[in-house]
C-alpha atoms as a PDB file:
ATOM      1  CA  UNK A   1       0.154   0.308  -0.327  1.00  0.00           C
ATOM      2  CA  UNK A   2       1.232   3.416  -1.049  1.00  0.00           C
ATOM      3  CA  UNK A   3       1.598   6.414   1.614  1.00  0.00           C
ATOM      4  CA  UNK A   4       0.291   9.507  -0.097  1.00  0.00           C
ATOM      5  CA  UNK A   5       2.620  11.282   2.040  1.00  0.00           C
ATOM      6  CA  UNK A   6       5.340   9.573   0.536  1.00  0.00           C
ATOM      7  CA  UNK A   7       7.742  10.803  -2.350  1.00  0.00           C
ATOM      8  CA  UNK A   8      10.184   8.051  -3.368  1.00  0.00           C
ATOM      9  CA  UNK A   9      10.353   5.967  -0.204  1.00  0.00           C
ATOM     10  CA  UNK A  10      10.502   9.526   1.708  1.00  0.00           C
ATOM     11  CA  UNK A  11       7.763   9.927   4.483  1.00  0.00           C
ATOM     12  CA  UNK A  12       6.508  13.745   4.333  1.00  0.00           C
ATOM     13  CA  UNK A  13       4.712  14.883   7.495  1.00  0.00           C
ATOM     14  CA  UNK A  14       3.286  18.282   7.126  1.00  0.00           C
ATOM     15  CA  UNK A  15       1.364  20.588   9.268  1.00  0.00           C
ATOM     16  CA  UNK A  16      -0.013  24.002   9.116  1.00  0.00           C
ATOM     17  CA  UNK A  17      -0.298  26.057  12.069  1.00  0.00           C
ATOM     18  CA  UNK A  18      -1.161  29.622  13.176  1.00  0.00           C
ATOM     19  CA  UNK A  19       1.357  32.191  14.614  1.00  0.00           C
ATOM     20  CA  UNK A  20       0.542  35.711  15.989  1.00  0.00           C
ATOM     21  CA  UNK A  21       2.466  38.433  16.262  1.00  0.00           C
ATOM     22  CA  UNK A  22       4.425  38.368  12.673  1.00  0.00           C
ATOM     23  CA  UNK A  23       4.338  41.792  11.088  1.00  0.00           C
ATOM     24  CA  UNK A  24       6.970  41.952   8.329  1.00  0.00           C
ATOM     25  CA  UNK A  25       9.357  39.856   6.293  1.00  0.00           C
ATOM     26  CA  UNK A  26      11.987  40.451   8.963  1.00  0.00           C
ATOM     27  CA  UNK A  27       9.259  38.485  11.350  1.00  0.00           C
ATOM     28  CA  UNK A  28       8.813  35.914   8.597  1.00  0.00           C
ATOM     29  CA  UNK A  29      12.507  35.171   8.184  1.00  0.00           C
ATOM     30  CA  UNK A  30      12.914  34.644  12.242  1.00  0.00           C
ATOM     31  CA  UNK A  31      10.549  32.249  12.134  1.00  0.00           C
ATOM     32  CA  UNK A  32      11.813  30.194   9.201  1.00  0.00           C
ATOM     33  CA  UNK A  33      14.966  30.426  11.105  1.00  0.00           C
ATOM     34  CA  UNK A  34      14.375  28.730  13.926  1.00  0.00           C
ATOM     35  CA  UNK A  35      11.721  26.326  12.677  1.00  0.00           C
ATOM     36  CA  UNK A  36      14.388  25.290   9.775  1.00  0.00           C
ATOM     37  CA  UNK A  37      16.612  23.762  12.900  1.00  0.00           C
ATOM     38  CA  UNK A  38      14.003  21.315  14.143  1.00  0.00           C
ATOM     39  CA  UNK A  39      15.551  17.890  12.400  1.00  0.00           C
ATOM     40  CA  UNK A  40      13.877  16.448   9.118  1.00  0.00           C
ATOM     41  CA  UNK A  41      12.354  20.190   8.348  1.00  0.00           C
ATOM     42  CA  UNK A  42      12.580  20.387   4.589  1.00  0.00           C
ATOM     43  CA  UNK A  43      10.517  23.468   3.746  1.00  0.00           C
ATOM     44  CA  UNK A  44       8.208  26.253   5.224  1.00  0.00           C
ATOM     45  CA  UNK A  45       5.652  28.418   3.631  1.00  0.00           C
ATOM     46  CA  UNK A  46       4.618  31.645   5.460  1.00  0.00           C
ATOM     47  CA  UNK A  47       1.077  33.347   4.586  1.00  0.00           C
ATOM     48  CA  UNK A  48       2.039  36.531   6.241  1.00  0.00           C
ATOM     49  CA  UNK A  49      -1.107  38.389   7.463  1.00  0.00           C
ATOM     50  CA  UNK A  50       0.453  41.538   9.429  1.00  0.00           C
ATOM     51  CA  UNK A  51      -1.170  42.126  12.782  1.00  0.00           C
ATOM     52  CA  UNK A  52      -2.967  39.083  12.398  1.00  0.00           C
ATOM     53  CA  UNK A  53      -2.807  35.392  12.766  1.00  0.00           C
ATOM     54  CA  UNK A  54      -0.729  34.249   9.865  1.00  0.00           C
ATOM     55  CA  UNK A  55      -0.520  30.558   8.498  1.00  0.00           C
ATOM     56  CA  UNK A  56       2.800  28.379   8.147  1.00  0.00           C
ATOM     57  CA  UNK A  57       2.955  25.089   6.833  1.00  0.00           C
ATOM     58  CA  UNK A  58       5.979  23.055   7.609  1.00  0.00           C
ATOM     59  CA  UNK A  59       6.969  19.990   5.554  1.00  0.00           C
ATOM     60  CA  UNK A  60       9.668  17.295   7.179  1.00  0.00           C
ATOM     61  CA  UNK A  61      10.666  14.499   6.498  1.00  0.00           C
ATOM     62  CA  UNK A  62      10.539  13.161  10.076  1.00  0.00           C
ATOM     63  CA  UNK A  63       7.443  13.556  12.388  1.00  0.00           C
ATOM     64  CA  UNK A  64       6.943  16.560  13.740  1.00  0.00           C
ATOM     65  CA  UNK A  65       5.852  17.555  17.076  1.00  0.00           C
ATOM     66  CA  UNK A  66       3.617  20.484  18.361  1.00  0.00           C
ATOM     67  CA  UNK A  67       5.620  20.598  21.421  1.00  0.00           C
ATOM     68  CA  UNK A  68       8.858  21.141  18.642  1.00  0.00           C
ATOM     69  CA  UNK A  69       7.059  23.979  16.803  1.00  0.00           C
ATOM     70  CA  UNK A  70       5.986  25.559  19.852  1.00  0.00           C
ATOM     71  CA  UNK A  71       9.517  26.123  21.053  1.00  0.00           C
ATOM     72  CA  UNK A  72      11.087  27.541  17.670  1.00  0.00           C
ATOM     73  CA  UNK A  73       8.105  29.753  17.297  1.00  0.00           C
ATOM     74  CA  UNK A  74       8.610  30.983  20.935  1.00  0.00           C
ATOM     75  CA  UNK A  75      12.292  31.181  20.440  1.00  0.00           C
ATOM     76  CA  UNK A  76      11.658  33.508  17.251  1.00  0.00           C
ATOM     77  CA  UNK A  77       9.513  35.426  19.379  1.00  0.00           C
ATOM     78  CA  UNK A  78       5.992  34.777  18.440  1.00  0.00           C
ATOM     79  CA  UNK A  79       2.767  32.872  19.833  1.00  0.00           C
ATOM     80  CA  UNK A  80       1.493  29.460  18.530  1.00  0.00           C
ATOM     81  CA  UNK A  81      -2.104  29.559  18.132  1.00  0.00           C
ATOM     82  CA  UNK A  82      -2.732  26.211  16.988  1.00  0.00           C
ATOM     83  CA  UNK A  83      -1.000  22.869  18.177  1.00  0.00           C
END
């Protein structure tokens, strides 16, 4: 049985989270810098909504945990509003 989240044998974990407090491209860069430190993260896409809740999509070749993401977002100086 094929895993729909698998590419050439590589399992991909994907989470979409909401982050509060980002207002500019520097904020986005800070979040990307911290989240990419999580083992296995392969890509991050940020839908910046200045002054509102921004949506962040994270893909990883390893399982992602809400705890790791929350820590990374906090280190960047923002608030994770969805697990």
